[in-house]
């Protein structure tokens, strides 16, 4: 399964900042340009899915507030 979404931003270096913040949160997410891809394992319970979403939102907030 792959889920991808585009981030509407004109901040230069978004991908680099996003990747660094994701690692700080313990997430292995690497955007390509302004597109962020999730490739979670097939065995993902509801709590893990919620954690992935919440941490991704924190990473987005941190990456865009520069």
N, C-alpha and C. Protein backbone atom coordinates (compact mmCIF):
# COMPACT_ATOMS: atom_id res chain seq x y z
N UNK A 1 0.84 -1.16 0.00
CA UNK A 1 0.00 0.00 0.00
C UNK A 1 0.89 1.24 0.00
N UNK A 2 0.53 2.18 -0.80
CA UNK A 2 1.22 3.47 -0.83
C UNK A 2 0.16 4.56 -0.76
N UNK A 3 0.40 5.52 0.09
CA UNK A 3 -0.45 6.70 0.17
C UNK A 3 0.47 7.89 -0.03
N UNK A 4 0.07 8.79 -0.90
CA UNK A 4 0.89 9.98 -1.17
C UNK A 4 0.02 11.21 -1.12
N UNK A 5 0.62 12.31 -0.68
CA UNK A 5 -0.09 13.58 -0.69
C UNK A 5 0.90 14.70 -0.98
N UNK A 6 0.40 15.73 -1.65
CA UNK A 6 1.22 16.89 -1.98
C UNK A 6 1.06 17.95 -0.91
N UNK A 7 2.14 18.63 -0.61
CA UNK A 7 2.14 19.73 0.35
C UNK A 7 2.28 21.02 -0.44
N UNK A 8 1.27 21.89 -0.31
CA UNK A 8 1.29 23.16 -1.02
C UNK A 8 2.18 24.14 -0.25
N UNK A 9 3.42 24.25 -0.68
CA UNK A 9 4.36 25.15 -0.03
C UNK A 9 5.34 25.70 -1.05
N UNK A 10 5.78 26.90 -0.79
CA UNK A 10 6.82 27.48 -1.64
C UNK A 10 8.13 27.59 -0.86
N UNK A 11 8.16 27.01 0.35
CA UNK A 11 9.38 27.01 1.16
C UNK A 11 10.46 26.19 0.45
N UNK A 12 11.59 26.82 0.20
CA UNK A 12 12.68 26.06 -0.41
C UNK A 12 13.27 25.13 0.64
N UNK A 13 13.67 23.98 0.23
CA UNK A 13 14.25 23.01 1.15
C UNK A 13 13.22 22.25 1.97
N UNK A 14 11.95 22.28 1.54
CA UNK A 14 10.91 21.58 2.30
C UNK A 14 11.25 20.11 2.50
N UNK A 15 11.64 19.41 1.44
CA UNK A 15 11.90 17.97 1.52
C UNK A 15 13.00 17.66 2.54
N UNK A 16 14.06 18.44 2.52
CA UNK A 16 15.18 18.23 3.45
C UNK A 16 14.73 18.43 4.90
N UNK A 17 14.01 19.53 5.14
CA UNK A 17 13.52 19.80 6.50
C UNK A 17 12.53 18.75 6.96
N UNK A 18 11.61 18.38 6.07
CA UNK A 18 10.59 17.38 6.42
C UNK A 18 11.26 16.07 6.81
N UNK A 19 12.22 15.64 6.00
CA UNK A 19 12.91 14.37 6.27
C UNK A 19 13.62 14.42 7.63
N UNK A 20 14.30 15.51 7.92
CA UNK A 20 15.01 15.64 9.20
C UNK A 20 14.05 15.61 10.38
N UNK A 21 12.93 16.33 10.27
CA UNK A 21 11.94 16.33 11.35
C UNK A 21 11.29 14.96 11.51
N UNK A 22 11.06 14.28 10.40
CA UNK A 22 10.46 12.94 10.47
C UNK A 22 11.38 11.98 11.22
N UNK A 23 12.67 12.04 10.94
CA UNK A 23 13.61 11.18 11.66
C UNK A 23 13.60 11.47 13.15
N UNK A 24 13.49 12.76 13.52
CA UNK A 24 13.42 13.11 14.94
C UNK A 24 12.20 12.50 15.62
N UNK A 25 11.12 12.32 14.86
CA UNK A 25 9.88 11.72 15.39
C UNK A 25 9.90 10.20 15.29
N UNK A 26 10.96 9.64 14.72
CA UNK A 26 11.04 8.20 14.57
C UNK A 26 10.32 7.66 13.35
N UNK A 27 10.09 8.53 12.37
CA UNK A 27 9.40 8.13 11.15
C UNK A 27 10.38 8.05 9.99
N UNK A 28 10.24 7.04 9.18
CA UNK A 28 11.05 6.93 7.97
C UNK A 28 10.21 7.39 6.79
N UNK A 29 10.07 8.71 6.68
CA UNK A 29 9.32 9.33 5.59
C UNK A 29 10.28 10.21 4.82
N UNK A 30 10.28 10.07 3.52
CA UNK A 30 11.16 10.86 2.69
C UNK A 30 10.36 11.43 1.54
N UNK A 31 10.10 12.73 1.54
CA UNK A 31 9.34 13.29 0.43
C UNK A 31 10.20 13.41 -0.82
N UNK A 32 9.52 13.39 -1.93
CA UNK A 32 10.16 13.68 -3.22
C UNK A 32 9.57 15.00 -3.66
N UNK A 33 10.36 16.04 -3.56
CA UNK A 33 9.84 17.39 -3.81
C UNK A 33 8.85 17.74 -2.72
N UNK A 34 7.64 18.11 -3.13
CA UNK A 34 6.59 18.45 -2.17
C UNK A 34 5.60 17.31 -1.98
N UNK A 35 5.92 16.13 -2.47
CA UNK A 35 5.04 14.97 -2.33
C UNK A 35 5.59 14.05 -1.24
N UNK A 36 4.75 13.75 -0.25
CA UNK A 36 5.13 12.87 0.85
C UNK A 36 4.49 11.52 0.61
N UNK A 37 5.27 10.46 0.76
CA UNK A 37 4.79 9.10 0.54
C UNK A 37 4.80 8.32 1.84
N UNK A 38 3.72 7.63 2.10
CA UNK A 38 3.67 6.65 3.20
C UNK A 38 3.68 5.28 2.57
N UNK A 39 4.51 4.38 3.09
CA UNK A 39 4.52 2.99 2.67
C UNK A 39 4.54 2.13 3.94
N UNK A 40 3.41 2.11 4.67
CA UNK A 40 3.38 1.38 5.93
C UNK A 40 3.39 -0.13 5.69
N UNK A 41 3.75 -0.88 6.72
CA UNK A 41 3.69 -2.35 6.59
C UNK A 41 2.24 -2.80 6.45
N UNK A 42 2.04 -4.00 5.94
CA UNK A 42 0.69 -4.52 5.77
C UNK A 42 0.02 -4.81 7.11
N UNK A 43 0.80 -5.07 8.12
CA UNK A 43 0.26 -5.36 9.45
C UNK A 43 0.38 -4.08 10.27
N UNK A 44 -0.68 -3.30 10.27
CA UNK A 44 -0.69 -2.01 10.94
C UNK A 44 -2.01 -1.92 11.69
N UNK A 45 -1.93 -1.85 13.01
CA UNK A 45 -3.19 -1.77 13.76
C UNK A 45 -3.65 -0.32 13.87
N UNK A 46 -4.82 -0.12 14.45
CA UNK A 46 -5.42 1.21 14.52
C UNK A 46 -4.56 2.20 15.30
N UNK A 47 -3.98 1.76 16.40
CA UNK A 47 -3.14 2.65 17.21
C UNK A 47 -1.90 3.10 16.44
N UNK A 48 -1.29 2.19 15.70
CA UNK A 48 -0.10 2.53 14.91
C UNK A 48 -0.47 3.48 13.77
N UNK A 49 -1.62 3.27 13.18
CA UNK A 49 -2.08 4.15 12.10
C UNK A 49 -2.33 5.55 12.65
N UNK A 50 -2.94 5.65 13.80
CA UNK A 50 -3.19 6.93 14.43
C UNK A 50 -1.87 7.63 14.77
N UNK A 51 -0.91 6.87 15.32
CA UNK A 51 0.40 7.43 15.65
C UNK A 51 1.10 7.97 14.40
N UNK A 52 1.03 7.24 13.31
CA UNK A 52 1.63 7.68 12.05
C UNK A 52 1.02 8.99 11.59
N UNK A 53 -0.30 9.10 11.66
CA UNK A 53 -0.97 10.34 11.26
C UNK A 53 -0.62 11.51 12.16
N UNK A 54 -0.65 11.29 13.48
CA UNK A 54 -0.35 12.37 14.42
C UNK A 54 1.08 12.87 14.29
N UNK A 55 2.01 11.94 14.18
CA UNK A 55 3.41 12.34 14.05
C UNK A 55 3.67 13.03 12.71
N UNK A 56 3.00 12.58 11.66
CA UNK A 56 3.17 13.22 10.36
C UNK A 56 2.67 14.66 10.42
N UNK A 57 1.55 14.90 11.10
CA UNK A 57 1.06 16.27 11.25
C UNK A 57 2.05 17.15 12.02
N UNK A 58 2.66 16.58 13.08
CA UNK A 58 3.67 17.34 13.83
C UNK A 58 4.86 17.68 12.94
N UNK A 59 5.28 16.71 12.13
CA UNK A 59 6.40 16.93 11.23
C UNK A 59 6.06 18.01 10.21
N UNK A 60 4.84 17.97 9.65
CA UNK A 60 4.43 19.00 8.71
C UNK A 60 4.44 20.38 9.36
N UNK A 61 3.88 20.48 10.55
CA UNK A 61 3.87 21.77 11.25
C UNK A 61 5.30 22.29 11.47
N UNK A 62 6.19 21.41 11.92
CA UNK A 62 7.57 21.81 12.19
C UNK A 62 8.29 22.20 10.90
N UNK A 63 8.00 21.51 9.82
CA UNK A 63 8.69 21.76 8.55
C UNK A 63 8.22 23.04 7.86
N UNK A 64 6.98 23.43 8.10
CA UNK A 64 6.42 24.60 7.44
C UNK A 64 6.54 25.87 8.25
N UNK A 65 6.86 25.74 9.54
CA UNK A 65 6.94 26.93 10.39
C UNK A 65 8.38 27.43 10.48
N UNK A 66 8.90 27.84 9.35
CA UNK A 66 10.27 28.34 9.29
C UNK A 66 10.25 29.77 8.80
